[in-house]
Amino acid sequence: MLRMDPGHTRIRTARRFEAWEGGGEYNVARGLRRCFGMRTGVVTSLADNEIGRLIEDFILQGGVDVTLINWIPYDGIGRTVRNGLNFTERGYGIRGALGVPDRGLSAASQIRPDDFDWESIFGKQGVRWFHTGGIFAALSESTADTVLKAVEVARKYGTIVSYDLNYRPSLWGSIGGKKKAQEVNREIAKSVDVMIGNEEDFTACLGFEVEGLDEDISSIDVGKFKSMINAVVLEYPNIKVTATTLRTVKTATLNDWGAICWADGEFFEAVHRPDLEVFDRVGGGDSFASGLVYGLITTGDPAEAVNYGAAHGALAMTTPGDTSMASLSEVKKLMEGGGARVVR
C-alpha cells in the first residue's frame, strides 16, 4: 500500500502528507534486503497507474525485486481496481497511533491462487524462504485461497514458510469475524514452519486460549503464554519455531520492548528493553520478523535470531515510516549492548 503520513499532526487536521510504501509482508522483505543484505522479492498485484508506479518506485528504492508484480490495467476511475492507501498517524503520549486503511477494490485484494506460477517460483527459481501473513489472507476469499495454495506448494519443494498471524479485527469483521479467521488460519498453519504472533493472534486466529488474557494484552504473564505455545506446537508438529514480540504500552512514545522464541522444545528470550522511546511504532513487528528470519537463515541459532529480531524492531521504531532505516552494523551494535552516544 501507499502510506500517507501526516507527520506530527493528525489525519483529521492534516494539510499535507508524506508518502511511504508499506505492508506487513512487504516490510519484512524490505528489511531483509536493506538492513540485512539478502536478496528478496515481492509477489503482489498493483493497478497500473501513476500511484501504482509510485509504489513500484519505493519498492525499487528498497532494493526488493519487482519481477513478480502483476500489473492490472486501470479503468481510469477505480471502479474495478485501485491501489490501497493507508493513512497512519504515529500517536504521542496518551494518544495512541491510528491507522485508517483505504483498500477496497485494491489489486492485491483481488489476487487469485492461479495468478502466479507457484510451481516455478518454488520449484525452479529456488526460493529458500517464503513469508506471508494474516493481513493478506484476510483481504478476501480469494487471497485466503491464494495463501493456502502458495504455502502448500512451498512446502512441497522444501521452501521454509514463515507466517505472521497479524490479527486485525477490522479486516475479518465483515467476512465472518473470529470464526472465519480461525477457519482460514488453522488450515494455513498446517504448512507453516515459523509461526509469528502475539497472544491475541494465537487466540483469535487459531483458537488457543491464554489463561488470564483480557483486553490489556500487554500485561500478559509470559509463563502462561509459554504454556499456550506448548499446546500450539503439540497440535501443529510441523511448526519448528514460534516467536512473538513482548510489548507493554505505557504511552504511545514509551514502551517496554522484548521478544520470545520457541524452538526445539526450548524458549529463548531476547534482551528486554524497558522504557524504549518510540518515534513511530508501525512496522516494529515486521522489523522483528525480518531480523528473526535473518538470524535463523544465517546462524540457525534461535537465541541469536530472536535478539536480531528484537534489536532490529527496536531500531525501526526510532524512525518514521513502516520500513526500517537501520543498518546491520547498528543492529549488531545494539545486540552487543551499544548505547546512543553520538558517532563521529
Protein backbone atom coordinates (compact mmCIF):
# COMPACT_ATOMS: atom_id res chain seq x y z
CA MET A 1 0.00 0.00 0.00
CA LEU A 2 0.89 3.66 -0.15
CA ARG A 3 1.21 5.02 3.39
CA MET A 4 0.11 8.60 3.87
CA ASP A 5 1.75 10.12 6.96
CA PRO A 6 0.55 13.45 8.42
CA GLY A 7 3.77 13.81 10.44
CA HIS A 8 3.35 15.41 13.85
CA THR A 9 -0.29 16.35 13.32
CA ARG A 10 -3.43 14.25 12.91
CA ILE A 11 -5.14 12.81 9.84
CA ARG A 12 -8.30 14.79 10.53
CA THR A 13 -6.43 18.13 10.60
CA ALA A 14 -3.60 17.49 8.12
CA ARG A 15 -2.86 19.85 5.24
CA ARG A 16 -0.07 17.74 3.78
CA PHE A 17 1.02 14.10 3.89
CA GLU A 18 4.37 12.42 3.37
CA ALA A 19 4.22 9.31 1.21
CA TRP A 20 5.87 5.99 2.09
CA GLU A 21 5.32 2.43 1.00
CA GLY A 22 4.31 -0.24 3.47
CA GLY A 23 2.57 -3.52 4.11
CA GLY A 24 3.00 -6.32 6.64
CA GLU A 25 4.62 -8.87 4.34
CA TYR A 26 6.49 -6.38 2.15
CA ASN A 27 8.06 -4.70 5.20
CA VAL A 28 9.74 -8.00 6.08
CA ALA A 29 11.17 -8.43 2.57
CA ARG A 30 12.45 -4.86 2.52
CA GLY A 31 14.05 -5.16 5.95
CA LEU A 32 15.83 -8.32 4.89
CA ARG A 33 17.16 -6.55 1.79
CA ARG A 34 18.06 -3.08 3.05
CA CYS A 35 19.25 -3.87 6.55
CA PHE A 36 20.48 -7.44 6.24
CA GLY A 37 21.65 -7.52 2.62
CA MET A 38 19.66 -10.55 1.48
CA ARG A 39 18.09 -10.85 -1.97
CA THR A 40 14.32 -10.58 -1.74
CA GLY A 41 11.31 -10.12 -4.00
CA VAL A 42 7.63 -9.34 -3.57
CA VAL A 43 4.68 -11.24 -5.05
CA THR A 44 1.71 -8.91 -5.38
CA SER A 45 -0.63 -7.07 -7.76
CA LEU A 46 -0.86 -3.34 -8.41
CA ALA A 47 -3.19 -1.24 -10.53
CA ASP A 48 -1.17 0.12 -13.45
CA ASN A 49 -1.47 3.85 -12.91
CA GLU A 50 0.73 6.62 -11.52
CA ILE A 51 0.04 5.64 -7.91
CA GLY A 52 1.00 2.05 -8.66
CA ARG A 53 4.19 3.21 -10.35
CA LEU A 54 4.98 5.41 -7.33
CA ILE A 55 4.67 2.36 -5.09
CA GLU A 56 6.91 0.45 -7.50
CA ASP A 57 9.48 3.23 -7.29
CA PHE A 58 9.51 2.98 -3.50
CA ILE A 59 9.95 -0.79 -3.76
CA LEU A 60 12.85 -0.33 -6.18
CA GLN A 61 14.47 2.14 -3.79
CA GLY A 62 14.21 -0.57 -1.14
CA GLY A 63 16.13 -2.98 -3.36
CA VAL A 64 13.30 -5.52 -3.48
CA ASP A 65 12.83 -7.36 -6.77
CA VAL A 66 9.66 -6.33 -8.64
CA THR A 67 9.69 -9.05 -11.31
CA LEU A 68 6.72 -10.87 -9.77
CA ILE A 69 4.42 -7.85 -9.52
CA ASN A 70 1.26 -8.50 -11.52
CA TRP A 71 0.16 -5.24 -13.19
CA ILE A 72 -3.62 -4.90 -13.59
CA PRO A 73 -4.97 -2.48 -16.24
CA TYR A 74 -6.53 0.60 -14.62
CA ASP A 75 -10.05 1.58 -15.64
CA GLY A 76 -9.48 5.31 -15.19
CA ILE A 77 -11.70 5.76 -12.15
CA GLY A 78 -11.06 2.89 -9.73
CA ARG A 79 -14.45 1.31 -10.28
CA THR A 80 -12.98 -2.18 -10.67
CA VAL A 81 -9.41 -1.93 -9.40
CA ARG A 82 -7.24 0.52 -7.48
CA ASN A 83 -4.19 0.68 -5.22
CA GLY A 84 -4.58 0.51 -1.46
CA LEU A 85 -3.87 3.52 0.75
CA ASN A 86 -3.07 3.54 4.45
CA PHE A 87 -3.40 6.80 6.38
CA THR A 88 -1.35 6.44 9.57
CA GLU A 89 -0.70 8.84 12.43
CA ARG A 90 2.06 8.00 14.89
CA GLY A 91 0.40 8.93 18.16
CA TYR A 92 2.08 10.75 21.01
CA GLY A 93 2.00 10.28 24.76
CA ILE A 94 -1.52 9.32 25.86
CA ARG A 95 -2.81 9.43 22.24
CA GLY A 96 -2.20 6.09 20.56
CA ALA A 97 -1.16 5.52 16.97
CA LEU A 98 -4.04 5.34 14.49
CA GLY A 99 -4.32 3.63 11.12
CA VAL A 100 -7.11 4.24 8.61
CA PRO A 101 -6.75 1.84 5.68
CA ASP A 102 -8.49 2.55 2.38
CA ARG A 103 -8.04 -0.59 0.36
CA GLY A 104 -11.42 -1.57 -1.07
CA LEU A 105 -11.15 -3.00 -4.62
CA SER A 106 -7.37 -2.96 -4.35
CA ALA A 107 -5.49 -5.06 -6.87
CA ALA A 108 -3.91 -7.04 -4.04
CA SER A 109 -7.29 -7.95 -2.56
CA GLN A 110 -8.33 -9.46 -5.90
CA ILE A 111 -5.35 -11.80 -6.24
CA ARG A 112 -6.39 -15.36 -7.03
CA PRO A 113 -4.47 -18.63 -6.48
CA ASP A 114 -3.61 -19.11 -10.16
CA ASP A 115 -2.42 -15.54 -10.80
CA PHE A 116 1.17 -16.69 -10.15
CA ASP A 117 3.13 -19.76 -11.18
CA TRP A 118 3.93 -21.12 -7.73
CA GLU A 119 5.48 -24.27 -9.17
CA SER A 120 8.04 -22.12 -10.97
CA ILE A 121 8.61 -19.77 -8.03
CA PHE A 122 9.38 -22.57 -5.58
CA GLY A 123 10.36 -25.41 -7.89
CA LYS A 124 12.55 -23.64 -10.48
CA GLN A 125 13.59 -20.25 -9.09
CA GLY A 126 14.97 -21.74 -5.91
CA VAL A 127 13.21 -19.56 -3.35
CA ARG A 128 14.58 -20.56 0.05
CA TRP A 129 12.13 -18.73 2.29
CA PHE A 130 8.54 -17.58 1.80
CA HIS A 131 6.92 -15.10 4.17
CA THR A 132 3.24 -14.18 4.23
CA GLY A 133 0.60 -13.43 6.81
CA GLY A 134 -2.87 -12.97 8.14
CA ILE A 135 -3.39 -9.45 6.83
CA PHE A 136 -3.16 -10.56 3.21
CA ALA A 137 -5.18 -13.70 3.96
CA ALA A 138 -7.99 -11.54 5.39
CA LEU A 139 -8.42 -9.28 2.36
CA SER A 140 -10.85 -11.59 0.54
CA GLU A 141 -11.90 -15.19 -0.03
CA SER A 142 -9.52 -15.38 -2.98
CA THR A 143 -6.48 -14.09 -1.05
CA ALA A 144 -7.06 -16.70 1.66
CA ASP A 145 -7.16 -19.38 -1.05
CA THR A 146 -4.00 -17.89 -2.59
CA VAL A 147 -2.07 -18.10 0.68
CA LEU A 148 -3.17 -21.70 1.16
CA LYS A 149 -2.03 -22.72 -2.31
CA ALA A 150 1.27 -20.84 -2.00
CA VAL A 151 2.25 -22.39 1.32
CA GLU A 152 1.28 -25.88 0.16
CA VAL A 153 3.43 -25.61 -2.97
CA ALA A 154 6.29 -24.06 -0.96
CA ARG A 155 6.16 -26.97 1.45
CA LYS A 156 6.18 -29.42 -1.47
CA TYR A 157 9.56 -28.05 -2.59
CA GLY A 158 11.09 -27.69 0.87
CA THR A 159 10.90 -23.88 0.97
CA ILE A 160 10.71 -22.63 4.55
CA VAL A 161 7.42 -20.87 5.25
CA SER A 162 7.01 -18.16 7.87
CA TYR A 163 3.61 -16.72 8.68
CA ASP A 164 2.70 -13.70 10.78
CA LEU A 165 -0.81 -14.19 12.14
CA ASN A 166 -1.22 -10.38 12.46
CA TYR A 167 -4.87 -10.44 13.54
CA ARG A 168 -6.81 -7.31 12.54
CA PRO A 169 -10.44 -7.30 13.75
CA SER A 170 -11.33 -4.61 11.20
CA LEU A 171 -10.35 -6.88 8.31
CA TRP A 172 -12.11 -10.04 9.48
CA GLY A 173 -15.22 -8.31 10.90
CA SER A 174 -17.15 -8.07 7.65
CA ILE A 175 -16.30 -11.57 6.37
CA GLY A 176 -17.13 -13.75 9.35
CA GLY A 177 -15.08 -12.41 12.27
CA LYS A 178 -13.01 -14.69 14.50
CA LYS A 179 -14.83 -17.81 13.29
CA LYS A 180 -13.71 -17.16 9.72
CA ALA A 181 -10.23 -16.12 10.86
CA GLN A 182 -9.81 -19.44 12.64
CA GLU A 183 -11.20 -21.45 9.74
CA VAL A 184 -8.67 -19.89 7.36
CA ASN A 185 -5.64 -19.71 9.63
CA ARG A 186 -5.96 -23.19 11.11
CA GLU A 187 -5.77 -24.62 7.59
CA ILE A 188 -2.79 -22.44 6.64
CA ALA A 189 -0.99 -23.35 9.88
CA LYS A 190 -0.63 -26.95 8.69
CA SER A 191 2.01 -25.80 6.16
CA VAL A 192 3.91 -23.27 8.31
CA ASP A 193 7.44 -23.77 9.65
CA VAL A 194 7.87 -20.48 11.54
CA MET A 195 4.76 -19.00 13.18
CA ILE A 196 4.87 -15.41 14.41
CA GLY A 197 2.21 -13.77 16.54
CA ASN A 198 1.32 -12.38 19.92
CA GLU A 199 -1.14 -13.87 22.40
CA GLU A 200 -4.15 -12.16 20.80
CA ASP A 201 -3.11 -13.50 17.38
CA PHE A 202 -2.93 -17.10 18.57
CA THR A 203 -6.23 -16.76 20.43
CA ALA A 204 -8.22 -15.06 17.67
CA CYS A 205 -6.67 -16.79 14.65
CA LEU A 206 -6.05 -20.32 15.91
CA GLY A 207 -8.44 -20.63 18.85
CA PHE A 208 -5.83 -21.23 21.55
CA GLU A 209 -6.51 -19.62 24.91
CA VAL A 210 -4.06 -17.81 27.17
CA GLU A 211 -5.09 -18.04 30.80
CA GLY A 212 -5.90 -14.63 32.22
CA LEU A 213 -5.90 -12.85 28.85
CA ASP A 214 -8.05 -9.73 28.80
CA GLU A 215 -8.22 -6.58 26.71
CA ASP A 216 -4.94 -5.36 28.16
CA ILE A 217 -2.88 -7.97 26.35
CA SER A 218 0.39 -6.14 27.07
CA SER A 219 0.24 -7.27 30.70
CA ILE A 220 0.25 -10.98 29.95
CA ASP A 221 2.14 -13.46 32.13
CA VAL A 222 4.95 -14.84 29.95
CA GLY A 223 4.70 -18.20 31.71
CA LYS A 224 1.08 -18.60 30.64
CA PHE A 225 1.99 -17.62 27.10
CA LYS A 226 4.65 -20.33 27.08
CA SER A 227 2.03 -22.88 28.13
CA MET A 228 -0.12 -21.87 25.18
CA ILE A 229 2.79 -22.23 22.75
CA ASN A 230 3.41 -25.75 24.02
CA ALA A 231 -0.21 -26.54 23.13
CA VAL A 232 0.18 -24.95 19.68
CA VAL A 233 3.22 -26.99 18.67
CA LEU A 234 1.63 -30.15 20.02
CA GLU A 235 -1.33 -29.68 17.66
CA TYR A 236 0.87 -28.47 14.76
CA PRO A 237 4.07 -30.58 14.87
CA ASN A 238 5.10 -29.08 11.51
CA ILE A 239 5.82 -25.76 13.27
CA LYS A 240 9.54 -25.68 14.09
CA VAL A 241 9.76 -22.14 15.50
CA THR A 242 7.28 -19.73 17.06
CA ALA A 243 8.09 -16.18 18.08
CA THR A 244 6.43 -13.03 19.33
CA THR A 245 7.30 -9.55 20.49
CA LEU A 246 6.60 -8.61 24.10
CA ARG A 247 5.38 -5.05 24.25
CA THR A 248 3.97 -3.14 27.23
CA VAL A 249 2.49 0.14 26.02
CA LYS A 250 2.97 2.72 28.75
CA THR A 251 2.34 5.58 26.33
CA ALA A 252 2.48 5.86 22.55
CA THR A 253 6.04 7.09 22.91
CA LEU A 254 7.24 4.88 25.79
CA ASN A 255 7.07 1.09 25.55
CA ASP A 256 8.73 -1.81 27.27
CA TRP A 257 10.05 -4.00 24.45
CA GLY A 258 11.25 -7.57 24.22
CA ALA A 259 10.68 -10.83 22.38
CA ILE A 260 10.48 -14.56 22.94
CA CYS A 261 11.09 -17.52 20.66
CA TRP A 262 10.34 -21.25 20.94
CA ALA A 263 12.44 -23.82 19.04
CA ASP A 264 13.27 -27.48 19.60
CA GLY A 265 11.34 -27.59 22.85
CA GLU A 266 13.12 -24.61 24.40
CA PHE A 267 12.26 -20.96 24.94
CA PHE A 268 14.70 -18.15 24.23
CA GLU A 269 14.13 -14.57 25.34
CA ALA A 270 15.73 -11.51 23.80
CA VAL A 271 17.30 -8.73 25.83
CA HIS A 272 14.46 -6.83 27.48
CA ARG A 273 14.44 -3.09 26.84
CA PRO A 274 12.23 -1.24 29.34
CA ASP A 275 11.13 2.32 28.64
CA LEU A 276 12.08 2.20 24.96
CA GLU A 277 11.40 5.60 23.41
CA VAL A 278 9.27 5.20 20.29
CA PHE A 279 9.11 7.61 17.36
CA ASP A 280 6.84 5.52 15.10
CA ARG A 281 5.72 2.09 16.27
CA VAL A 282 4.14 0.94 12.99
CA GLY A 283 6.33 -1.70 11.36
CA GLY A 284 8.20 -2.62 14.54
CA GLY A 285 6.77 -6.13 14.49
CA ASP A 286 7.64 -6.60 10.81
CA SER A 287 11.21 -5.50 11.51
CA PHE A 288 11.33 -8.01 14.34
CA ALA A 289 10.24 -10.68 11.86
CA SER A 290 12.91 -9.78 9.31
CA GLY A 291 15.63 -9.86 11.96
CA LEU A 292 14.39 -13.22 13.20
CA VAL A 293 14.37 -14.65 9.68
CA TYR A 294 17.88 -13.32 9.02
CA GLY A 295 19.17 -14.84 12.25
CA LEU A 296 17.61 -18.22 11.54
CA ILE A 297 18.96 -18.32 7.97
CA THR A 298 22.50 -17.20 8.79
CA THR A 299 23.11 -18.72 12.23
CA GLY A 300 20.45 -21.38 12.79
CA ASP A 301 20.56 -20.32 16.44
CA PRO A 302 17.13 -19.29 17.80
CA ALA A 303 18.73 -17.45 20.73
CA GLU A 304 20.74 -15.33 18.31
CA ALA A 305 17.82 -14.95 15.90
CA VAL A 306 15.36 -13.60 18.48
CA ASN A 307 17.92 -10.99 19.52
CA TYR A 308 18.47 -9.94 15.91
CA GLY A 309 14.71 -9.52 15.64
CA ALA A 310 14.26 -7.58 18.88
CA ALA A 311 17.18 -5.23 18.18
CA HIS A 312 16.04 -4.55 14.63
CA GLY A 313 12.45 -3.91 15.74
CA ALA A 314 13.65 -1.51 18.42
CA LEU A 315 15.73 0.48 15.93
CA ALA A 316 12.93 0.53 13.34
CA MET A 317 10.65 2.28 15.84
CA THR A 318 13.10 5.18 16.18
CA THR A 319 12.46 6.37 12.61
CA PRO A 320 9.33 7.34 10.63
CA GLY A 321 7.53 5.09 8.17
CA ASP A 322 6.62 1.40 8.09
CA THR A 323 10.03 0.26 6.93
CA SER A 324 13.37 0.02 8.67
CA MET A 325 16.15 2.58 8.19
CA ALA A 326 18.61 0.61 10.35
CA SER A 327 21.87 -0.91 9.17
CA LEU A 328 23.25 -4.33 10.07
CA SER A 329 26.13 -2.70 11.95
CA GLU A 330 23.64 -0.73 14.07
CA VAL A 331 21.68 -3.88 14.84
CA LYS A 332 24.84 -5.72 15.90
CA LYS A 333 25.97 -2.76 17.99
CA LEU A 334 22.68 -2.73 19.87
CA MET A 335 22.82 -6.50 20.37
CA GLU A 336 26.26 -6.10 21.88
CA GLY A 337 25.00 -3.51 24.35
CA GLY A 338 25.98 -0.37 22.48
CA GLY A 339 24.38 2.86 23.57
CA ALA A 340 23.11 6.03 21.92
CA ARG A 341 26.23 8.17 22.20
CA VAL A 342 26.96 10.26 19.16
CA VAL A 343 29.05 8.61 16.43
CA ARG A 344 31.60 10.99 14.88
